[in-house]
């Protein structure tokens, strides 16, 4: 969304570039809000990945331990 460097920060949005410093404060706040939302989405996506790996590990452990037990007969 934004680019930084030695020059002025640039907002790239829907294929167009804007000088972030010249945007009205209201738009700067929207950009900051979107950056926070993007960061939160990445955080939660990473959390979901960790949870999925943990769940898969538990399923493998459950499968291994259930192998030693006799299941109920099919109904």
PDB file of N, CA and C in Angstrom:
ATOM      1  N   UNK A   1       0.821  -1.185   0.000  1.00  0.00           N
ATOM      2  CA  UNK A   1       0.000   0.000   0.000  1.00  0.00           C
ATOM      3  C   UNK A   1       0.862   1.245   0.000  1.00  0.00           C
ATOM      4  N   UNK A   2       1.865   1.310   0.905  1.00  0.00           N
ATOM      5  CA  UNK A   2       2.732   2.479   0.927  1.00  0.00           C
ATOM      6  C   UNK A   2       4.161   2.061   0.665  1.00  0.00           C
ATOM      7  N   UNK A   3       4.914   2.979   0.127  1.00  0.00           N
ATOM      8  CA  UNK A   3       6.324   2.751  -0.133  1.00  0.00           C
ATOM      9  C   UNK A   3       7.095   3.770   0.685  1.00  0.00           C
ATOM     10  N   UNK A   4       8.256   3.362   1.206  1.00  0.00           N
ATOM     11  CA  UNK A   4       9.053   4.313   1.952  1.00  0.00           C
ATOM     12  C   UNK A   4      10.477   4.286   1.436  1.00  0.00           C
ATOM     13  N   UNK A   5      11.249   5.189   1.873  1.00  0.00           N
ATOM     14  CA  UNK A   5      12.630   5.285   1.452  1.00  0.00           C
ATOM     15  C   UNK A   5      13.138   6.662   1.807  1.00  0.00           C
ATOM     16  N   UNK A   6      14.136   7.127   1.082  1.00  0.00           N
ATOM     17  CA  UNK A   6      14.685   8.448   1.346  1.00  0.00           C
ATOM     18  C   UNK A   6      13.731   9.538   0.864  1.00  0.00           C
ATOM     19  N   UNK A   7      12.827   9.194  -0.055  1.00  0.00           N
ATOM     20  CA  UNK A   7      11.919  10.188  -0.601  1.00  0.00           C
ATOM     21  C   UNK A   7      10.664  10.249   0.252  1.00  0.00           C
ATOM     22  N   UNK A   8       9.730  11.084  -0.182  1.00  0.00           N
ATOM     23  CA  UNK A   8       8.453  11.173   0.517  1.00  0.00           C
ATOM     24  C   UNK A   8       7.713   9.849   0.395  1.00  0.00           C
ATOM     25  N   UNK A   9       6.963   9.475   1.443  1.00  0.00           N
ATOM     26  CA  UNK A   9       6.193   8.237   1.357  1.00  0.00           C
ATOM     27  C   UNK A   9       5.120   8.339   0.273  1.00  0.00           C
ATOM     28  N   UNK A  10       4.902   7.231  -0.406  1.00  0.00           N
ATOM     29  CA  UNK A  10       3.952   7.188  -1.516  1.00  0.00           C
ATOM     30  C   UNK A  10       2.883   6.148  -1.204  1.00  0.00           C
ATOM     31  N   UNK A  11       1.649   6.519  -1.403  1.00  0.00           N
ATOM     32  CA  UNK A  11       0.527   5.593  -1.299  1.00  0.00           C
ATOM     33  C   UNK A  11       0.228   5.091  -2.695  1.00  0.00           C
ATOM     34  N   UNK A  12       0.246   3.775  -2.865  1.00  0.00           N
ATOM     35  CA  UNK A  12      -0.175   3.174  -4.123  1.00  0.00           C
ATOM     36  C   UNK A  12      -1.502   2.474  -3.849  1.00  0.00           C
ATOM     37  N   UNK A  13      -2.541   2.928  -4.526  1.00  0.00           N
ATOM     38  CA  UNK A  13      -3.878   2.396  -4.281  1.00  0.00           C
ATOM     39  C   UNK A  13      -4.603   2.270  -5.608  1.00  0.00           C
ATOM     40  N   UNK A  14      -5.030   1.062  -5.911  1.00  0.00           N
ATOM     41  CA  UNK A  14      -5.749   0.755  -7.147  1.00  0.00           C
ATOM     42  C   UNK A  14      -4.999   1.258  -8.373  1.00  0.00           C
ATOM     43  N   UNK A  15      -3.683   0.994  -8.369  1.00  0.00           N
ATOM     44  CA  UNK A  15      -2.859   1.309  -9.525  1.00  0.00           C
ATOM     45  C   UNK A  15      -2.434   2.764  -9.658  1.00  0.00           C
ATOM     46  N   UNK A  16      -2.812   3.590  -8.695  1.00  0.00           N
ATOM     47  CA  UNK A  16      -2.437   5.000  -8.749  1.00  0.00           C
ATOM     48  C   UNK A  16      -1.558   5.330  -7.548  1.00  0.00           C
ATOM     49  N   UNK A  17      -0.653   6.288  -7.758  1.00  0.00           N
ATOM     50  CA  UNK A  17       0.288   6.671  -6.709  1.00  0.00           C
ATOM     51  C   UNK A  17      -0.038   8.082  -6.217  1.00  0.00           C
ATOM     52  N   UNK A  18       0.088   8.259  -4.890  1.00  0.00           N
ATOM     53  CA  UNK A  18      -0.207   9.551  -4.274  1.00  0.00           C
ATOM     54  C   UNK A  18       0.898   9.885  -3.271  1.00  0.00           C
ATOM     55  N   UNK A  19       1.257  11.167  -3.182  1.00  0.00           N
ATOM     56  CA  UNK A  19       2.208  11.625  -2.175  1.00  0.00           C
ATOM     57  C   UNK A  19       1.473  11.627  -0.841  1.00  0.00           C
ATOM     58  N   UNK A  20       1.882  10.743   0.041  1.00  0.00           N
ATOM     59  CA  UNK A  20       1.179  10.572   1.316  1.00  0.00           C
ATOM     60  C   UNK A  20       1.197  11.852   2.148  1.00  0.00           C
ATOM     61  N   UNK A  21       2.285  12.603   2.071  1.00  0.00           N
ATOM     62  CA  UNK A  21       2.396  13.826   2.878  1.00  0.00           C
ATOM     63  C   UNK A  21       1.404  14.899   2.463  1.00  0.00           C
ATOM     64  N   UNK A  22       0.927  14.860   1.232  1.00  0.00           N
ATOM     65  CA  UNK A  22       0.011  15.908   0.758  1.00  0.00           C
ATOM     66  C   UNK A  22      -1.461  15.527   0.916  1.00  0.00           C
ATOM     67  N   UNK A  23      -1.720  14.302   1.367  1.00  0.00           N
ATOM     68  CA  UNK A  23      -3.117  13.899   1.558  1.00  0.00           C
ATOM     69  C   UNK A  23      -3.710  14.608   2.766  1.00  0.00           C
ATOM     70  N   UNK A  24      -5.007  14.893   2.730  1.00  0.00           N
ATOM     71  CA  UNK A  24      -5.666  15.473   3.905  1.00  0.00           C
ATOM     72  C   UNK A  24      -5.557  14.519   5.103  1.00  0.00           C
ATOM     73  N   UNK A  25      -5.575  15.087   6.306  1.00  0.00           N
ATOM     74  CA  UNK A  25      -5.426  14.285   7.521  1.00  0.00           C
ATOM     75  C   UNK A  25      -6.446  13.156   7.602  1.00  0.00           C
ATOM     76  N   UNK A  26      -7.657  13.410   7.146  1.00  0.00           N
ATOM     77  CA  UNK A  26      -8.709  12.381   7.175  1.00  0.00           C
ATOM     78  C   UNK A  26      -8.285  11.155   6.357  1.00  0.00           C
ATOM     79  N   UNK A  27      -7.683  11.393   5.193  1.00  0.00           N
ATOM     80  CA  UNK A  27      -7.239  10.282   4.348  1.00  0.00           C
ATOM     81  C   UNK A  27      -6.016   9.588   4.954  1.00  0.00           C
ATOM     82  N   UNK A  28      -5.135  10.367   5.587  1.00  0.00           N
ATOM     83  CA  UNK A  28      -3.981   9.763   6.263  1.00  0.00           C
ATOM     84  C   UNK A  28      -4.443   8.813   7.365  1.00  0.00           C
ATOM     85  N   UNK A  29      -5.500   9.215   8.096  1.00  0.00           N
ATOM     86  CA  UNK A  29      -6.052   8.348   9.142  1.00  0.00           C
ATOM     87  C   UNK A  29      -6.634   7.067   8.542  1.00  0.00           C
ATOM     88  N   UNK A  30      -7.313   7.189   7.396  1.00  0.00           N
ATOM     89  CA  UNK A  30      -7.836   5.992   6.732  1.00  0.00           C
ATOM     90  C   UNK A  30      -6.706   5.063   6.313  1.00  0.00           C
ATOM     91  N   UNK A  31      -5.628   5.633   5.796  1.00  0.00           N
ATOM     92  CA  UNK A  31      -4.475   4.822   5.386  1.00  0.00           C
ATOM     93  C   UNK A  31      -3.887   4.118   6.601  1.00  0.00           C
ATOM     94  N   UNK A  32      -3.728   4.849   7.715  1.00  0.00           N
ATOM     95  CA  UNK A  32      -3.198   4.226   8.937  1.00  0.00           C
ATOM     96  C   UNK A  32      -4.128   3.116   9.419  1.00  0.00           C
ATOM     97  N   UNK A  33      -5.418   3.368   9.358  1.00  0.00           N
ATOM     98  CA  UNK A  33      -6.386   2.347   9.762  1.00  0.00           C
ATOM     99  C   UNK A  33      -6.278   1.100   8.899  1.00  0.00           C
ATOM    100  N   UNK A  34      -6.089   1.279   7.607  1.00  0.00           N
ATOM    101  CA  UNK A  34      -5.945   0.128   6.710  1.00  0.00           C
ATOM    102  C   UNK A  34      -4.645  -0.623   7.006  1.00  0.00           C
ATOM    103  N   UNK A  35      -3.582   0.117   7.339  1.00  0.00           N
ATOM    104  CA  UNK A  35      -2.317  -0.533   7.675  1.00  0.00           C
ATOM    105  C   UNK A  35      -2.465  -1.378   8.944  1.00  0.00           C
ATOM    106  N   UNK A  36      -3.180  -0.842   9.931  1.00  0.00           N
ATOM    107  CA  UNK A  36      -3.425  -1.598  11.158  1.00  0.00           C
ATOM    108  C   UNK A  36      -4.262  -2.834  10.853  1.00  0.00           C
ATOM    109  N   UNK A  37      -5.296  -2.670  10.032  1.00  0.00           N
ATOM    110  CA  UNK A  37      -6.148  -3.804   9.659  1.00  0.00           C
ATOM    111  C   UNK A  37      -5.334  -4.875   8.923  1.00  0.00           C
ATOM    112  N   UNK A  38      -4.456  -4.446   8.011  1.00  0.00           N
ATOM    113  CA  UNK A  38      -3.604  -5.401   7.298  1.00  0.00           C
ATOM    114  C   UNK A  38      -2.702  -6.159   8.261  1.00  0.00           C
ATOM    115  N   UNK A  39      -2.124  -5.440   9.213  1.00  0.00           N
ATOM    116  CA  UNK A  39      -1.239  -6.084  10.199  1.00  0.00           C
ATOM    117  C   UNK A  39      -2.021  -7.088  11.043  1.00  0.00           C
ATOM    118  N   UNK A  40      -3.229  -6.726  11.447  1.00  0.00           N
ATOM    119  CA  UNK A  40      -4.054  -7.636  12.240  1.00  0.00           C
ATOM    120  C   UNK A  40      -4.442  -8.874  11.429  1.00  0.00           C
ATOM    121  N   UNK A  41      -4.771  -8.684  10.163  1.00  0.00           N
ATOM    122  CA  UNK A  41      -5.097  -9.828   9.313  1.00  0.00           C
ATOM    123  C   UNK A  41      -3.914 -10.783   9.208  1.00  0.00           C
ATOM    124  N   UNK A  42      -2.705 -10.241   9.000  1.00  0.00           N
ATOM    125  CA  UNK A  42      -1.514 -11.099   8.919  1.00  0.00           C
ATOM    126  C   UNK A  42      -1.294 -11.841  10.234  1.00  0.00           C
ATOM    127  N   UNK A  43      -1.472 -11.140  11.360  1.00  0.00           N
ATOM    128  CA  UNK A  43      -1.304 -11.759  12.668  1.00  0.00           C
ATOM    129  C   UNK A  43      -2.277 -12.921  12.841  1.00  0.00           C
ATOM    130  N   UNK A  44      -3.526 -12.689  12.510  1.00  0.00           N
ATOM    131  CA  UNK A  44      -4.534 -13.734  12.702  1.00  0.00           C
ATOM    132  C   UNK A  44      -4.367 -14.878  11.696  1.00  0.00           C
ATOM    133  N   UNK A  45      -3.914 -14.566  10.492  1.00  0.00           N
ATOM    134  CA  UNK A  45      -3.635 -15.635   9.528  1.00  0.00           C
ATOM    135  C   UNK A  45      -2.507 -16.515  10.049  1.00  0.00           C
ATOM    136  N   UNK A  46      -1.473 -15.912  10.633  1.00  0.00           N
ATOM    137  CA  UNK A  46      -0.380 -16.684  11.220  1.00  0.00           C
ATOM    138  C   UNK A  46      -0.874 -17.519  12.392  1.00  0.00           C
ATOM    139  N   UNK A  47      -1.756 -16.938  13.213  1.00  0.00           N
ATOM    140  CA  UNK A  47      -2.328 -17.672  14.342  1.00  0.00           C
ATOM    141  C   UNK A  47      -3.114 -18.880  13.844  1.00  0.00           C
ATOM    142  N   UNK A  48      -3.902 -18.700  12.794  1.00  0.00           N
ATOM    143  CA  UNK A  48      -4.667 -19.815  12.231  1.00  0.00           C
ATOM    144  C   UNK A  48      -3.743 -20.920  11.727  1.00  0.00           C
ATOM    145  N   UNK A  49      -2.625 -20.543  11.108  1.00  0.00           N
ATOM    146  CA  UNK A  49      -1.670 -21.542  10.632  1.00  0.00           C
ATOM    147  C   UNK A  49      -1.099 -22.339  11.794  1.00  0.00           C
ATOM    148  N   UNK A  50      -0.736 -21.650  12.875  1.00  0.00           N
ATOM    149  CA  UNK A  50      -0.193 -22.328  14.056  1.00  0.00           C
ATOM    150  C   UNK A  50      -1.240 -23.268  14.648  1.00  0.00           C
ATOM    151  N   UNK A  51      -2.483 -22.804  14.738  1.00  0.00           N
ATOM    152  CA  UNK A  51      -3.555 -23.650  15.266  1.00  0.00           C
ATOM    153  C   UNK A  51      -3.789 -24.873  14.391  1.00  0.00           C
ATOM    154  N   UNK A  52      -3.730 -24.701  13.085  1.00  0.00           N
ATOM    155  CA  UNK A  52      -3.946 -25.826  12.165  1.00  0.00           C
ATOM    156  C   UNK A  52      -2.840 -26.864  12.325  1.00  0.00           C
ATOM    157  N   UNK A  53      -1.607 -26.411  12.468  1.00  0.00           N
ATOM    158  CA  UNK A  53      -0.496 -27.350  12.659  1.00  0.00           C
ATOM    159  C   UNK A  53      -0.651 -28.076  13.989  1.00  0.00           C
ATOM    160  N   UNK A  54      -1.019 -27.344  15.035  1.00  0.00           N
ATOM    161  CA  UNK A  54      -1.234 -27.969  16.346  1.00  0.00           C
ATOM    162  C   UNK A  54      -2.358 -28.989  16.307  1.00  0.00           C
ATOM    163  N   UNK A  55      -3.437 -28.654  15.634  1.00  0.00           N
ATOM    164  CA  UNK A  55      -4.568 -29.581  15.516  1.00  0.00           C
ATOM    165  C   UNK A  55      -4.162 -30.831  14.749  1.00  0.00           C
ATOM    166  N   UNK A  56      -3.397 -30.649  13.685  1.00  0.00           N
ATOM    167  CA  UNK A  56      -2.932 -31.798  12.899  1.00  0.00           C
ATOM    168  C   UNK A  56      -2.046 -32.703  13.750  1.00  0.00           C
ATOM    169  N   UNK A  57      -1.199 -32.108  14.554  1.00  0.00           N
ATOM    170  CA  UNK A  57      -0.330 -32.887  15.430  1.00  0.00           C
ATOM    171  C   UNK A  57      -1.158 -33.675  16.447  1.00  0.00           C
ATOM    172  N   UNK A  58      -2.185 -33.034  17.007  1.00  0.00           N
ATOM    173  CA  UNK A  58      -3.043 -33.736  17.968  1.00  0.00           C
ATOM    174  C   UNK A  58      -3.810 -34.864  17.286  1.00  0.00           C
ATOM    175  N   UNK A  59      -4.257 -34.646  16.063  1.00  0.00           N
ATOM    176  CA  UNK A  59      -4.977 -35.694  15.333  1.00  0.00           C
ATOM    177  C   UNK A  59      -4.060 -36.895  15.086  1.00  0.00           C
ATOM    178  N   UNK A  60      -2.802 -36.645  14.747  1.00  0.00           N
ATOM    179  CA  UNK A  60      -1.847 -37.739  14.547  1.00  0.00           C
ATOM    180  C   UNK A  60      -1.616 -38.503  15.843  1.00  0.00           C
ATOM    181  N   UNK A  61      -1.482 -37.782  16.956  1.00  0.00           N
ATOM    182  CA  UNK A  61      -1.301 -38.432  18.253  1.00  0.00           C
ATOM    183  C   UNK A  61      -2.531 -39.264  18.623  1.00  0.00           C
ATOM    184  N   UNK A  62      -3.711 -38.697  18.398  1.00  0.00           N
ATOM    185  CA  UNK A  62      -4.947 -39.416  18.690  1.00  0.00           C
ATOM    186  C   UNK A  62      -5.027 -40.687  17.857  1.00  0.00           C
ATOM    187  N   UNK A  63      -4.712 -40.577  16.585  1.00  0.00           N
ATOM    188  CA  UNK A  63      -4.752 -41.727  15.692  1.00  0.00           C
ATOM    189  C   UNK A  63      -3.800 -42.823  16.179  1.00  0.00           C
ATOM    190  N   UNK A  64      -2.596 -42.464  16.552  1.00  0.00           N
ATOM    191  CA  UNK A  64      -1.617 -43.440  17.028  1.00  0.00           C
ATOM    192  C   UNK A  64      -2.098 -44.127  18.302  1.00  0.00           C
ATOM    193  N   UNK A  65      -2.653 -43.378  19.216  1.00  0.00           N
ATOM    194  CA  UNK A  65      -3.087 -43.958  20.493  1.00  0.00           C
ATOM    195  C   UNK A  65      -4.355 -44.792  20.343  1.00  0.00           C
ATOM    196  N   UNK A  66      -5.217 -44.413  19.397  1.00  0.00           N
ATOM    197  CA  UNK A  66      -6.436 -45.193  19.188  1.00  0.00           C
ATOM    198  C   UNK A  66      -6.147 -46.541  18.548  1.00  0.00           C
ATOM    199  N   UNK A  67      -4.998 -46.669  17.895  1.00  0.00           N
ATOM    200  CA  UNK A  67      -4.639 -47.945  17.263  1.00  0.00           C
ATOM    201  C   UNK A  67      -4.516 -49.062  18.271  1.00  0.00           C
ATOM    202  N   UNK A  68      -4.243 -48.740  19.526  1.00  0.00           N
ATOM    203  CA  UNK A  68      -4.071 -49.761  20.561  1.00  0.00           C
ATOM    204  C   UNK A  68      -5.394 -50.165  21.190  1.00  0.00           C
ATOM    205  N   UNK A  69      -6.491 -49.518  20.832  1.00  0.00           N
ATOM    206  CA  UNK A  69      -7.802 -49.816  21.412  1.00  0.00           C
ATOM    207  C   UNK A  69      -8.691 -50.488  20.388  1.00  0.00           C
ATOM    208  N   UNK A  70      -9.637 -51.250  20.915  1.00  0.00           N
ATOM    209  CA  UNK A  70     -10.613 -51.904  20.028  1.00  0.00           C
ATOM    210  C   UNK A  70     -11.809 -50.975  19.836  1.00  0.00           C
ATOM    211  N   UNK A  71     -12.149 -50.669  18.610  1.00  0.00           N
ATOM    212  CA  UNK A  71     -13.307 -49.796  18.368  1.00  0.00           C
ATOM    213  C   UNK A  71     -14.603 -50.561  18.604  1.00  0.00           C
ATOM    214  N   UNK A  72     -15.679 -49.814  18.766  1.00  0.00           N
ATOM    215  CA  UNK A  72     -17.002 -50.422  18.879  1.00  0.00           C
ATOM    216  C   UNK A  72     -17.356 -51.064  17.551  1.00  0.00           C
ATOM    217  N   UNK A  73     -18.156 -52.115  17.581  1.00  0.00           N
ATOM    218  CA  UNK A  73     -18.565 -52.729  16.310  1.00  0.00           C
ATOM    219  C   UNK A  73     -19.458 -51.779  15.525  1.00  0.00           C
ATOM    220  N   UNK A  74     -19.423 -51.915  14.178  1.00  0.00           N
ATOM    221  CA  UNK A  74     -20.279 -51.100  13.343  1.00  0.00           C
ATOM    222  C   UNK A  74     -21.731 -51.419  13.639  1.00  0.00           C
ATOM    223  N   UNK A  75     -22.559 -50.414  13.600  1.00  0.00           N
ATOM    224  CA  UNK A  75     -23.993 -50.602  13.923  1.00  0.00           C
ATOM    225  C   UNK A  75     -24.738 -51.212  12.775  1.00  0.00           C
TER     226      UNK A  75
END
